[in-house]
Every structure is written in structure tokens, then in C-alpha cells.
Amino acid sequence: MGLVKYALKNLLRRPATVEDPAAIPVPDDYRGTVFMHRDECIWCLRCMKACPANSIIVDREKEVFVYKYMKCITCGICEDVCPTDAIEILPVPREAKYKREWLEY
């Protein structure tokens, strides 16, 4: 009889998950995630050289910017050294991904 009572109690409760992840409040001490404005970048390599976690790879010839999401410690040094403000740390939550290679952009 305990199982039926437990099942009915949970059926009448609202779900524990949230439909819209944007509705989840972001904590005040959240550092954010790195965003790169490619049209403002001058490919100077300062962000790559300053990154203590080696989470940024820049190829000047091909104009390729690779940000390794799993290695980033979100210290903000890349944002500080960028002369054109092409790198910005935005206070938006990081999205969940299914595969590790999807975490690089």
C-alpha cells in the first residue's frame, strides 16, 4: 500500500525539471562564458599567449579561433588583454553538450 500512496503523491506534485533553462536564475558570483566577436578580432594572438589554461588556440593565417570550453578556468585574462575587445565574458549559463568535441567553437 505504501507504493500506491507514494505514486499518487508524486503524480499530484509539479515536475522537478524546468521547461525553459533561461528561467533558471544566474547566481551573482557566476563568472560566465567566453564569447568571441570574430569581426572585431585583429588576430594578434595576445589572448592565446595570456591564457593560463591554454584553452584558446588562434591560427592567424587561416583566421581560426578555437576556444576549448572544458579547459577554460574563466579567469578573464583573455578579455583584459584583447586590444579590440573582441573577447567578451558574458554572464550566460553554459549549455550542456552530448559530445566533448561539441564544446569547442
PDB file of N, CA and C in Angstrom:
ATOM      1  N   MET A   1       0.811  -1.197   0.000  1.00  0.00           N
ATOM      2  CA  MET A   1       0.000   0.000   0.000  1.00  0.00           C
ATOM      3  C   MET A   1       0.856   1.264   0.000  1.00  0.00           C
ATOM      4  N   GLY A   2       2.078   1.181   0.496  1.00  0.00           N
ATOM      5  CA  GLY A   2       2.953   2.331   0.547  1.00  0.00           C
ATOM      6  C   GLY A   2       3.362   2.817  -0.837  1.00  0.00           C
ATOM      7  N   LEU A   3       3.512   1.890  -1.778  1.00  0.00           N
ATOM      8  CA  LEU A   3       3.915   2.246  -3.133  1.00  0.00           C
ATOM      9  C   LEU A   3       2.829   3.042  -3.850  1.00  0.00           C
ATOM     10  N   VAL A   4       1.588   2.661  -3.681  1.00  0.00           N
ATOM     11  CA  VAL A   4       0.477   3.371  -4.321  1.00  0.00           C
ATOM     12  C   VAL A   4       0.362   4.784  -3.754  1.00  0.00           C
ATOM     13  N   LYS A   5       0.507   4.911  -2.447  1.00  0.00           N
ATOM     14  CA  LYS A   5       0.440   6.223  -1.800  1.00  0.00           C
ATOM     15  C   LYS A   5       1.570   7.126  -2.304  1.00  0.00           C
ATOM     16  N   TYR A   6       2.763   6.583  -2.441  1.00  0.00           N
ATOM     17  CA  TYR A   6       3.927   7.329  -2.932  1.00  0.00           C
ATOM     18  C   TYR A   6       3.716   7.769  -4.381  1.00  0.00           C
ATOM     19  N   ALA A   7       3.182   6.868  -5.206  1.00  0.00           N
ATOM     20  CA  ALA A   7       2.940   7.186  -6.616  1.00  0.00           C
ATOM     21  C   ALA A   7       1.894   8.288  -6.759  1.00  0.00           C
ATOM     22  N   LEU A   8       0.819   8.214  -5.994  1.00  0.00           N
ATOM     23  CA  LEU A   8      -0.221   9.249  -6.075  1.00  0.00           C
ATOM     24  C   LEU A   8       0.295  10.602  -5.592  1.00  0.00           C
ATOM     25  N   LYS A   9       1.123  10.581  -4.555  1.00  0.00           N
ATOM     26  CA  LYS A   9       1.681  11.833  -4.046  1.00  0.00           C
ATOM     27  C   LYS A   9       2.562  12.510  -5.097  1.00  0.00           C
ATOM     28  N   ASN A  10       3.358  11.735  -5.809  1.00  0.00           N
ATOM     29  CA  ASN A  10       4.239  12.291  -6.837  1.00  0.00           C
ATOM     30  C   ASN A  10       3.500  12.678  -8.110  1.00  0.00           C
ATOM     31  N   LEU A  11       2.403  12.049  -8.390  1.00  0.00           N
ATOM     32  CA  LEU A  11       1.613  12.430  -9.559  1.00  0.00           C
ATOM     33  C   LEU A  11       0.966  13.791  -9.383  1.00  0.00           C
ATOM     34  N   LEU A  12       0.652  14.145  -8.156  1.00  0.00           N
ATOM     35  CA  LEU A  12      -0.021  15.414  -7.905  1.00  0.00           C
ATOM     36  C   LEU A  12       0.943  16.577  -7.732  1.00  0.00           C
ATOM     37  N   ARG A  13       2.232  16.309  -7.598  1.00  0.00           N
ATOM     38  CA  ARG A  13       3.230  17.372  -7.465  1.00  0.00           C
ATOM     39  C   ARG A  13       3.633  17.906  -8.826  1.00  0.00           C
ATOM     40  N   ARG A  14       4.137  19.130  -8.831  1.00  0.00           N
ATOM     41  CA  ARG A  14       4.633  19.692 -10.085  1.00  0.00           C
ATOM     42  C   ARG A  14       5.991  19.075 -10.408  1.00  0.00           C
ATOM     43  N   PRO A  15       6.408  19.079 -11.673  1.00  0.00           N
ATOM     44  CA  PRO A  15       7.680  18.449 -12.050  1.00  0.00           C
ATOM     45  C   PRO A  15       8.882  19.165 -11.436  1.00  0.00           C
ATOM     46  N   ALA A  16       9.949  18.406 -11.207  1.00  0.00           N
ATOM     47  CA  ALA A  16      11.169  18.972 -10.624  1.00  0.00           C
ATOM     48  C   ALA A  16      12.029  19.653 -11.678  1.00  0.00           C
ATOM     49  N   THR A  17      11.841  19.326 -12.944  1.00  0.00           N
ATOM     50  CA  THR A  17      12.633  19.927 -14.009  1.00  0.00           C
ATOM     51  C   THR A  17      11.982  21.216 -14.504  1.00  0.00           C
ATOM     52  N   VAL A  18      12.779  22.037 -15.162  1.00  0.00           N
ATOM     53  CA  VAL A  18      12.306  23.309 -15.684  1.00  0.00           C
ATOM     54  C   VAL A  18      12.242  23.215 -17.202  1.00  0.00           C
ATOM     55  N   GLU A  19      11.145  23.672 -17.783  1.00  0.00           N
ATOM     56  CA  GLU A  19      10.973  23.626 -19.237  1.00  0.00           C
ATOM     57  C   GLU A  19      11.961  24.536 -19.953  1.00  0.00           C
ATOM     58  N   ASP A  20      12.116  25.746 -19.471  1.00  0.00           N
ATOM     59  CA  ASP A  20      12.965  26.740 -20.117  1.00  0.00           C
ATOM     60  C   ASP A  20      14.217  26.971 -19.270  1.00  0.00           C
ATOM     61  N   PRO A  21      15.411  26.558 -19.752  1.00  0.00           N
ATOM     62  CA  PRO A  21      16.628  26.772 -18.962  1.00  0.00           C
ATOM     63  C   PRO A  21      16.940  28.239 -18.711  1.00  0.00           C
ATOM     64  N   ALA A  22      16.440  29.139 -19.548  1.00  0.00           N
ATOM     65  CA  ALA A  22      16.690  30.568 -19.348  1.00  0.00           C
ATOM     66  C   ALA A  22      15.952  31.089 -18.117  1.00  0.00           C
ATOM     67  N   ALA A  23      14.965  30.336 -17.640  1.00  0.00           N
ATOM     68  CA  ALA A  23      14.209  30.757 -16.466  1.00  0.00           C
ATOM     69  C   ALA A  23      14.973  30.513 -15.168  1.00  0.00           C
ATOM     70  N   ILE A  24      16.050  29.741 -15.221  1.00  0.00           N
ATOM     71  CA  ILE A  24      16.850  29.461 -14.039  1.00  0.00           C
ATOM     72  C   ILE A  24      17.665  30.711 -13.710  1.00  0.00           C
ATOM     73  N   PRO A  25      17.577  31.211 -12.484  1.00  0.00           N
ATOM     74  CA  PRO A  25      18.342  32.419 -12.149  1.00  0.00           C
ATOM     75  C   PRO A  25      19.846  32.145 -12.113  1.00  0.00           C
ATOM     76  N   VAL A  26      20.615  33.112 -12.603  1.00  0.00           N
ATOM     77  CA  VAL A  26      22.073  33.001 -12.614  1.00  0.00           C
ATOM     78  C   VAL A  26      22.607  33.575 -11.303  1.00  0.00           C
ATOM     79  N   PRO A  27      23.460  32.841 -10.587  1.00  0.00           N
ATOM     80  CA  PRO A  27      23.999  33.364  -9.326  1.00  0.00           C
ATOM     81  C   PRO A  27      24.837  34.625  -9.537  1.00  0.00           C
ATOM     82  N   ASP A  28      24.928  35.454  -8.510  1.00  0.00           N
ATOM     83  CA  ASP A  28      25.684  36.710  -8.594  1.00  0.00           C
ATOM     84  C   ASP A  28      27.174  36.482  -8.807  1.00  0.00           C
ATOM     85  N   ASP A  29      27.720  35.408  -8.274  1.00  0.00           N
ATOM     86  CA  ASP A  29      29.158  35.157  -8.388  1.00  0.00           C
ATOM     87  C   ASP A  29      29.513  34.296  -9.601  1.00  0.00           C
ATOM     88  N   TYR A  30      28.577  34.105 -10.519  1.00  0.00           N
ATOM     89  CA  TYR A  30      28.842  33.309 -11.725  1.00  0.00           C
ATOM     90  C   TYR A  30      29.759  34.086 -12.662  1.00  0.00           C
ATOM     91  N   ARG A  31      30.819  33.454 -13.125  1.00  0.00           N
ATOM     92  CA  ARG A  31      31.818  34.136 -13.954  1.00  0.00           C
ATOM     93  C   ARG A  31      31.376  34.300 -15.402  1.00  0.00           C
ATOM     94  N   GLY A  32      30.626  33.382 -15.927  1.00  0.00           N
ATOM     95  CA  GLY A  32      30.135  33.500 -17.290  1.00  0.00           C
ATOM     96  C   GLY A  32      30.853  32.583 -18.256  1.00  0.00           C
ATOM     97  N   THR A  33      30.685  32.859 -19.520  1.00  0.00           N
ATOM     98  CA  THR A  33      31.315  32.075 -20.580  1.00  0.00           C
ATOM     99  C   THR A  33      31.926  33.007 -21.614  1.00  0.00           C
ATOM    100  N   VAL A  34      32.976  32.544 -22.262  1.00  0.00           N
ATOM    101  CA  VAL A  34      33.727  33.362 -23.218  1.00  0.00           C
ATOM    102  C   VAL A  34      32.990  33.411 -24.557  1.00  0.00           C
ATOM    103  N   PHE A  35      32.897  34.605 -25.125  1.00  0.00           N
ATOM    104  CA  PHE A  35      32.293  34.801 -26.434  1.00  0.00           C
ATOM    105  C   PHE A  35      33.254  35.632 -27.271  1.00  0.00           C
ATOM    106  N   MET A  36      33.453  35.235 -28.513  1.00  0.00           N
ATOM    107  CA  MET A  36      34.409  35.917 -29.381  1.00  0.00           C
ATOM    108  C   MET A  36      33.687  36.585 -30.552  1.00  0.00           C
ATOM    109  N   HIS A  37      33.920  37.879 -30.719  1.00  0.00           N
ATOM    110  CA  HIS A  37      33.370  38.629 -31.858  1.00  0.00           C
ATOM    111  C   HIS A  37      34.406  38.554 -32.982  1.00  0.00           C
ATOM    112  N   ARG A  38      34.207  37.677 -33.926  1.00  0.00           N
ATOM    113  CA  ARG A  38      35.198  37.440 -34.987  1.00  0.00           C
ATOM    114  C   ARG A  38      35.419  38.654 -35.887  1.00  0.00           C
ATOM    115  N   ASP A  39      34.401  39.464 -36.076  1.00  0.00           N
ATOM    116  CA  ASP A  39      34.559  40.626 -36.959  1.00  0.00           C
ATOM    117  C   ASP A  39      35.420  41.728 -36.334  1.00  0.00           C
ATOM    118  N   GLU A  40      35.595  41.714 -35.020  1.00  0.00           N
ATOM    119  CA  GLU A  40      36.417  42.721 -34.351  1.00  0.00           C
ATOM    120  C   GLU A  40      37.847  42.244 -34.100  1.00  0.00           C
ATOM    121  N   CYS A  41      38.113  40.968 -34.285  1.00  0.00           N
ATOM    122  CA  CYS A  41      39.427  40.396 -33.975  1.00  0.00           C
ATOM    123  C   CYS A  41      40.466  40.823 -35.015  1.00  0.00           C
ATOM    124  N   ILE A  42      41.671  41.187 -34.535  1.00  0.00           N
ATOM    125  CA  ILE A  42      42.770  41.544 -35.435  1.00  0.00           C
ATOM    126  C   ILE A  42      43.825  40.428 -35.473  1.00  0.00           C
ATOM    127  N   TRP A  43      43.540  39.292 -34.841  1.00  0.00           N
ATOM    128  CA  TRP A  43      44.389  38.103 -34.855  1.00  0.00           C
ATOM    129  C   TRP A  43      45.788  38.398 -34.334  1.00  0.00           C
ATOM    130  N   CYS A  44      45.852  39.073 -33.193  1.00  0.00           N
ATOM    131  CA  CYS A  44      47.143  39.466 -32.621  1.00  0.00           C
ATOM    132  C   CYS A  44      47.759  38.385 -31.726  1.00  0.00           C
ATOM    133  N   LEU A  45      47.024  37.360 -31.370  1.00  0.00           N
ATOM    134  CA  LEU A  45      47.470  36.214 -30.565  1.00  0.00           C
ATOM    135  C   LEU A  45      47.683  36.540 -29.088  1.00  0.00           C
ATOM    136  N   ARG A  46      47.322  37.722 -28.640  1.00  0.00           N
ATOM    137  CA  ARG A  46      47.524  38.079 -27.233  1.00  0.00           C
ATOM    138  C   ARG A  46      46.691  37.202 -26.303  1.00  0.00           C
ATOM    139  N   CYS A  47      45.473  36.894 -26.699  1.00  0.00           N
ATOM    140  CA  CYS A  47      44.612  36.072 -25.851  1.00  0.00           C
ATOM    141  C   CYS A  47      45.196  34.673 -25.685  1.00  0.00           C
ATOM    142  N   MET A  48      45.715  34.115 -26.759  1.00  0.00           N
ATOM    143  CA  MET A  48      46.292  32.778 -26.711  1.00  0.00           C
ATOM    144  C   MET A  48      47.535  32.749 -25.821  1.00  0.00           C
ATOM    145  N   LYS A  49      48.375  33.764 -25.924  1.00  0.00           N
ATOM    146  CA  LYS A  49      49.593  33.807 -25.126  1.00  0.00           C
ATOM    147  C   LYS A  49      49.302  34.066 -23.645  1.00  0.00           C
ATOM    148  N   ALA A  50      48.247  34.806 -23.345  1.00  0.00           N
ATOM    149  CA  ALA A  50      47.940  35.165 -21.965  1.00  0.00           C
ATOM    150  C   ALA A  50      47.135  34.108 -21.220  1.00  0.00           C
ATOM    151  N   CYS A  51      46.506  33.201 -21.929  1.00  0.00           N
ATOM    152  CA  CYS A  51      45.620  32.209 -21.294  1.00  0.00           C
ATOM    153  C   CYS A  51      46.431  31.227 -20.445  1.00  0.00           C
ATOM    154  N   PRO A  52      46.217  31.192 -19.117  1.00  0.00           N
ATOM    155  CA  PRO A  52      46.980  30.276 -18.268  1.00  0.00           C
ATOM    156  C   PRO A  52      46.574  28.817 -18.425  1.00  0.00           C
ATOM    157  N   ALA A  53      45.376  28.568 -18.927  1.00  0.00           N
ATOM    158  CA  ALA A  53      44.893  27.194 -19.080  1.00  0.00           C
ATOM    159  C   ALA A  53      45.087  26.654 -20.492  1.00  0.00           C
ATOM    160  N   ASN A  54      45.653  27.454 -21.397  1.00  0.00           N
ATOM    161  CA  ASN A  54      45.824  27.076 -22.808  1.00  0.00           C
ATOM    162  C   ASN A  54      44.511  26.627 -23.443  1.00  0.00           C
ATOM    163  N   SER A  55      43.448  27.351 -23.156  1.00  0.00           N
ATOM    164  CA  SER A  55      42.143  26.986 -23.696  1.00  0.00           C
ATOM    165  C   SER A  55      41.801  27.729 -24.983  1.00  0.00           C
ATOM    166  N   ILE A  56      42.690  28.602 -25.440  1.00  0.00           N
ATOM    167  CA  ILE A  56      42.462  29.358 -26.672  1.00  0.00           C
ATOM    168  C   ILE A  56      43.568  29.034 -27.660  1.00  0.00           C
ATOM    169  N   ILE A  57      43.158  28.666 -28.878  1.00  0.00           N
ATOM    170  CA  ILE A  57      44.104  28.413 -29.963  1.00  0.00           C
ATOM    171  C   ILE A  57      43.707  29.322 -31.123  1.00  0.00           C
ATOM    172  N   VAL A  58      44.665  30.105 -31.602  1.00  0.00           N
ATOM    173  CA  VAL A  58      44.410  31.042 -32.689  1.00  0.00           C
ATOM    174  C   VAL A  58      45.364  30.735 -33.831  1.00  0.00           C
ATOM    175  N   ASP A  59      44.819  30.607 -35.034  1.00  0.00           N
ATOM    176  CA  ASP A  59      45.630  30.431 -36.238  1.00  0.00           C
ATOM    177  C   ASP A  59      45.463  31.691 -37.077  1.00  0.00           C
ATOM    178  N   ARG A  60      46.505  32.486 -37.142  1.00  0.00           N
ATOM    179  CA  ARG A  60      46.442  33.778 -37.807  1.00  0.00           C
ATOM    180  C   ARG A  60      46.257  33.645 -39.322  1.00  0.00           C
ATOM    181  N   GLU A  61      46.947  32.682 -39.948  1.00  0.00           N
ATOM    182  CA  GLU A  61      46.860  32.534 -41.399  1.00  0.00           C
ATOM    183  C   GLU A  61      45.452  32.132 -41.853  1.00  0.00           C
ATOM    184  N   LYS A  62      44.846  31.184 -41.129  1.00  0.00           N
ATOM    185  CA  LYS A  62      43.510  30.706 -41.509  1.00  0.00           C
ATOM    186  C   LYS A  62      42.393  31.505 -40.849  1.00  0.00           C
ATOM    187  N   GLU A  63      42.754  32.416 -39.955  1.00  0.00           N
ATOM    188  CA  GLU A  63      41.803  33.189 -39.167  1.00  0.00           C
ATOM    189  C   GLU A  63      40.811  32.268 -38.450  1.00  0.00           C
ATOM    190  N   VAL A  64      41.386  31.360 -37.664  1.00  0.00           N
ATOM    191  CA  VAL A  64      40.595  30.387 -36.913  1.00  0.00           C
ATOM    192  C   VAL A  64      40.811  30.633 -35.429  1.00  0.00           C
ATOM    193  N   PHE A  65      39.717  30.695 -34.702  1.00  0.00           N
ATOM    194  CA  PHE A  65      39.735  30.863 -33.251  1.00  0.00           C
ATOM    195  C   PHE A  65      39.069  29.641 -32.637  1.00  0.00           C
ATOM    196  N   VAL A  66      39.817  28.884 -31.829  1.00  0.00           N
ATOM    197  CA  VAL A  66      39.273  27.699 -31.161  1.00  0.00           C
ATOM    198  C   VAL A  66      39.309  27.957 -29.665  1.00  0.00           C
ATOM    199  N   TYR A  67      38.148  27.858 -29.050  1.00  0.00           N
ATOM    200  CA  TYR A  67      38.018  28.044 -27.607  1.00  0.00           C
ATOM    201  C   TYR A  67      37.664  26.693 -26.998  1.00  0.00           C
ATOM    202  N   LYS A  68      38.551  26.160 -26.175  1.00  0.00           N
ATOM    203  CA  LYS A  68      38.336  24.860 -25.544  1.00  0.00           C
ATOM    204  C   LYS A  68      37.611  25.071 -24.221  1.00  0.00           C
ATOM    205  N   TYR A  69      36.344  24.861 -24.291  1.00  0.00           N
ATOM    206  CA  TYR A  69      35.411  25.119 -23.202  1.00  0.00           C
ATOM    207  C   TYR A  69      35.745  24.346 -21.933  1.00  0.00           C
ATOM    208  N   MET A  70      36.179  23.102 -22.067  1.00  0.00           N
ATOM    209  CA  MET A  70      36.443  22.256 -20.902  1.00  0.00           C
ATOM    210  C   MET A  70      37.741  22.641 -20.184  1.00  0.00           C
ATOM    211  N   LYS A  71      38.648  23.329 -20.851  1.00  0.00           N
ATOM    212  CA  LYS A  71      39.912  23.716 -20.226  1.00  0.00           C
ATOM    213  C   LYS A  71      39.853  25.103 -19.597  1.00  0.00           C
ATOM    214  N   CYS A  72      38.889  25.909 -19.998  1.00  0.00           N
ATOM    215  CA  CYS A  72      38.813  27.305 -19.559  1.00  0.00           C
ATOM    216  C   CYS A  72      38.505  27.397 -18.065  1.00  0.00           C
ATOM    217  N   ILE A  73      39.255  28.264 -17.374  1.00  0.00           N
ATOM    218  CA  ILE A  73      39.012  28.499 -15.953  1.00  0.00           C
ATOM    219  C   ILE A  73      38.277  29.825 -15.735  1.00  0.00           C
ATOM    220  N   THR A  74      37.891  30.480 -16.790  1.00  0.00           N
ATOM    221  CA  THR A  74      37.123  31.721 -16.788  1.00  0.00           C
ATOM    222  C   THR A  74      37.754  32.783 -15.888  1.00  0.00           C
ATOM    223  N   CYS A  75      39.040  32.984 -16.081  1.00  0.00           N
ATOM    224  CA  CYS A  75      39.771  33.964 -15.263  1.00  0.00           C
ATOM    225  C   CYS A  75      39.593  35.385 -15.795  1.00  0.00           C
ATOM    226  N   GLY A  76      39.301  35.541 -17.090  1.00  0.00           N
ATOM    227  CA  GLY A  76      39.074  36.859 -17.670  1.00  0.00           C
ATOM    228  C   GLY A  76      40.317  37.550 -18.202  1.00  0.00           C
ATOM    229  N   ILE A  77      41.459  36.871 -18.171  1.00  0.00           N
ATOM    230  CA  ILE A  77      42.690  37.494 -18.660  1.00  0.00           C
ATOM    231  C   ILE A  77      42.604  37.746 -20.168  1.00  0.00           C
ATOM    232  N   CYS A  78      42.013  36.827 -20.906  1.00  0.00           N
ATOM    233  CA  CYS A  78      41.885  36.996 -22.355  1.00  0.00           C
ATOM    234  C   CYS A  78      41.062  38.236 -22.693  1.00  0.00           C
ATOM    235  N   GLU A  79      40.051  38.493 -21.914  1.00  0.00           N
ATOM    236  CA  GLU A  79      39.210  39.672 -22.126  1.00  0.00           C
ATOM    237  C   GLU A  79      39.990  40.952 -21.820  1.00  0.00           C
ATOM    238  N   ASP A  80      40.844  40.904 -20.805  1.00  0.00           N
ATOM    239  CA  ASP A  80      41.621  42.083 -20.409  1.00  0.00           C
ATOM    240  C   ASP A  80      42.713  42.441 -21.415  1.00  0.00           C
ATOM    241  N   VAL A  81      43.371  41.434 -22.010  1.00  0.00           N
ATOM    242  CA  VAL A  81      44.497  41.720 -22.899  1.00  0.00           C
ATOM    243  C   VAL A  81      44.074  42.022 -24.335  1.00  0.00           C
ATOM    244  N   CYS A  82      42.838  41.764 -24.685  1.00  0.00           N
ATOM    245  CA  CYS A  82      42.387  41.988 -26.070  1.00  0.00           C
ATOM    246  C   CYS A  82      42.314  43.489 -26.366  1.00  0.00           C
ATOM    247  N   PRO A  83      43.083  43.972 -27.358  1.00  0.00           N
ATOM    248  CA  PRO A  83      43.109  45.413 -27.638  1.00  0.00           C
ATOM    249  C   PRO A  83      41.844  45.929 -28.321  1.00  0.00           C
ATOM    250  N   THR A  84      41.093  45.054 -28.966  1.00  0.00           N
ATOM    251  CA  THR A  84      39.892  45.494 -29.685  1.00  0.00           C
ATOM    252  C   THR A  84      38.601  45.072 -29.002  1.00  0.00           C
ATOM    253  N   ASP A  85      38.687  44.500 -27.816  1.00  0.00           N
ATOM    254  CA  ASP A  85      37.515  43.997 -27.083  1.00  0.00           C
ATOM    255  C   ASP A  85      36.720  42.979 -27.895  1.00  0.00           C
ATOM    256  N   ALA A  86      37.435  42.145 -28.650  1.00  0.00           N
ATOM    257  CA  ALA A  86      36.786  41.104 -29.439  1.00  0.00           C
ATOM    258  C   ALA A  86      36.358  39.928 -28.570  1.00  0.00           C
ATOM    259  N   ILE A  87      36.989  39.768 -27.414  1.00  0.00           N
ATOM    260  CA  ILE A  87      36.630  38.694 -26.494  1.00  0.00           C
ATOM    261  C   ILE A  87      35.848  39.296 -25.340  1.00  0.00           C
ATOM    262  N   GLU A  88      34.735  38.657 -25.051  1.00  0.00           N
ATOM    263  CA  GLU A  88      33.851  39.154 -24.006  1.00  0.00           C
ATOM    264  C   GLU A  88      33.402  37.972 -23.155  1.00  0.00           C
ATOM    265  N   ILE A  89      33.326  38.178 -21.860  1.00  0.00           N
ATOM    266  CA  ILE A  89      32.803  37.142 -20.973  1.00  0.00           C
ATOM    267  C   ILE A  89      31.392  37.555 -20.595  1.00  0.00           C
ATOM    268  N   LEU A  90      30.432  36.765 -21.054  1.00  0.00           N
ATOM    269  CA  LEU A  90      29.021  37.082 -20.843  1.00  0.00           C
ATOM    270  C   LEU A  90      28.465  36.254 -19.695  1.00  0.00           C
ATOM    271  N   PRO A  91      27.605  36.829 -18.876  1.00  0.00           N
ATOM    272  CA  PRO A  91      27.037  36.089 -17.743  1.00  0.00           C
ATOM    273  C   PRO A  91      25.863  35.207 -18.140  1.00  0.00           C
ATOM    274  N   VAL A  92      26.060  34.369 -19.138  1.00  0.00           N
ATOM    275  CA  VAL A  92      25.021  33.421 -19.540  1.00  0.00           C
ATOM    276  C   VAL A  92      25.485  32.016 -19.167  1.00  0.00           C
ATOM    277  N   PRO A  93      24.570  31.177 -18.734  1.00  0.00           N
ATOM    278  CA  PRO A  93      24.966  29.819 -18.354  1.00  0.00           C
ATOM    279  C   PRO A  93      25.478  29.032 -19.551  1.00  0.00           C
ATOM    280  N   ARG A  94      26.411  28.157 -19.287  1.00  0.00           N
ATOM    281  CA  ARG A  94      26.934  27.295 -20.344  1.00  0.00           C
ATOM    282  C   ARG A  94      25.915  26.226 -20.670  1.00  0.00           C
ATOM    283  N   GLU A  95      25.819  25.908 -21.939  1.00  0.00           N
ATOM    284  CA  GLU A  95      24.859  24.902 -22.374  1.00  0.00           C
ATOM    285  C   GLU A  95      25.443  23.509 -22.234  1.00  0.00           C
ATOM    286  N   ALA A  96      24.593  22.563 -21.954  1.00  0.00           N
ATOM    287  CA  ALA A  96      25.023  21.170 -21.877  1.00  0.00           C
ATOM    288  C   ALA A  96      25.232  20.633 -23.289  1.00  0.00           C
ATOM    289  N   LYS A  97      26.214  19.795 -23.446  1.00  0.00           N
ATOM    290  CA  LYS A  97      26.516  19.189 -24.745  1.00  0.00           C
ATOM    291  C   LYS A  97      26.593  17.679 -24.566  1.00  0.00           C
ATOM    292  N   TYR A  98      26.348  16.950 -25.647  1.00  0.00           N
ATOM    293  CA  TYR A  98      26.380  15.496 -25.599  1.00  0.00           C
ATOM    294  C   TYR A  98      27.765  14.926 -25.865  1.00  0.00           C
ATOM    295  N   LYS A  99      28.559  15.614 -26.658  1.00  0.00           N
ATOM    296  CA  LYS A  99      29.881  15.112 -27.012  1.00  0.00           C
ATOM    297  C   LYS A  99      30.938  16.152 -26.654  1.00  0.00           C
ATOM    298  N   ARG A 100      32.100  15.678 -26.255  1.00  0.00           N
ATOM    299  CA  ARG A 100      33.173  16.565 -25.837  1.00  0.00           C
ATOM    300  C   ARG A 100      33.639  17.475 -26.977  1.00  0.00           C
ATOM    301  N   GLU A 101      33.660  16.975 -28.209  1.00  0.00           N
ATOM    302  CA  GLU A 101      34.140  17.813 -29.313  1.00  0.00           C
ATOM    303  C   GLU A 101      33.184  18.958 -29.637  1.00  0.00           C
ATOM    304  N   TRP A 102      31.949  18.872 -29.200  1.00  0.00           N
ATOM    305  CA  TRP A 102      30.995  19.968 -29.408  1.00  0.00           C
ATOM    306  C   TRP A 102      31.289  21.138 -28.485  1.00  0.00           C
ATOM    307  N   LEU A 103      32.163  20.963 -27.507  1.00  0.00           N
ATOM    308  CA  LEU A 103      32.463  22.018 -26.560  1.00  0.00           C
ATOM    309  C   LEU A 103      33.518  22.980 -27.071  1.00  0.00           C
ATOM    310  N   GLU A 104      34.016  22.763 -28.271  1.00  0.00           N
ATOM    311  CA  GLU A 104      34.981  23.669 -28.893  1.00  0.00           C
ATOM    312  C   GLU A 104      34.304  24.427 -29.999  1.00  0.00           C
ATOM    313  N   TYR A 105      34.530  25.725 -30.051  1.00  0.00           N
ATOM    314  CA  TYR A 105      33.987  26.506 -31.161  1.00  0.00           C
ATOM    315  C   TYR A 105      34.991  27.512 -31.603  1.00  0.00           C
TER     316      TYR A 105
END
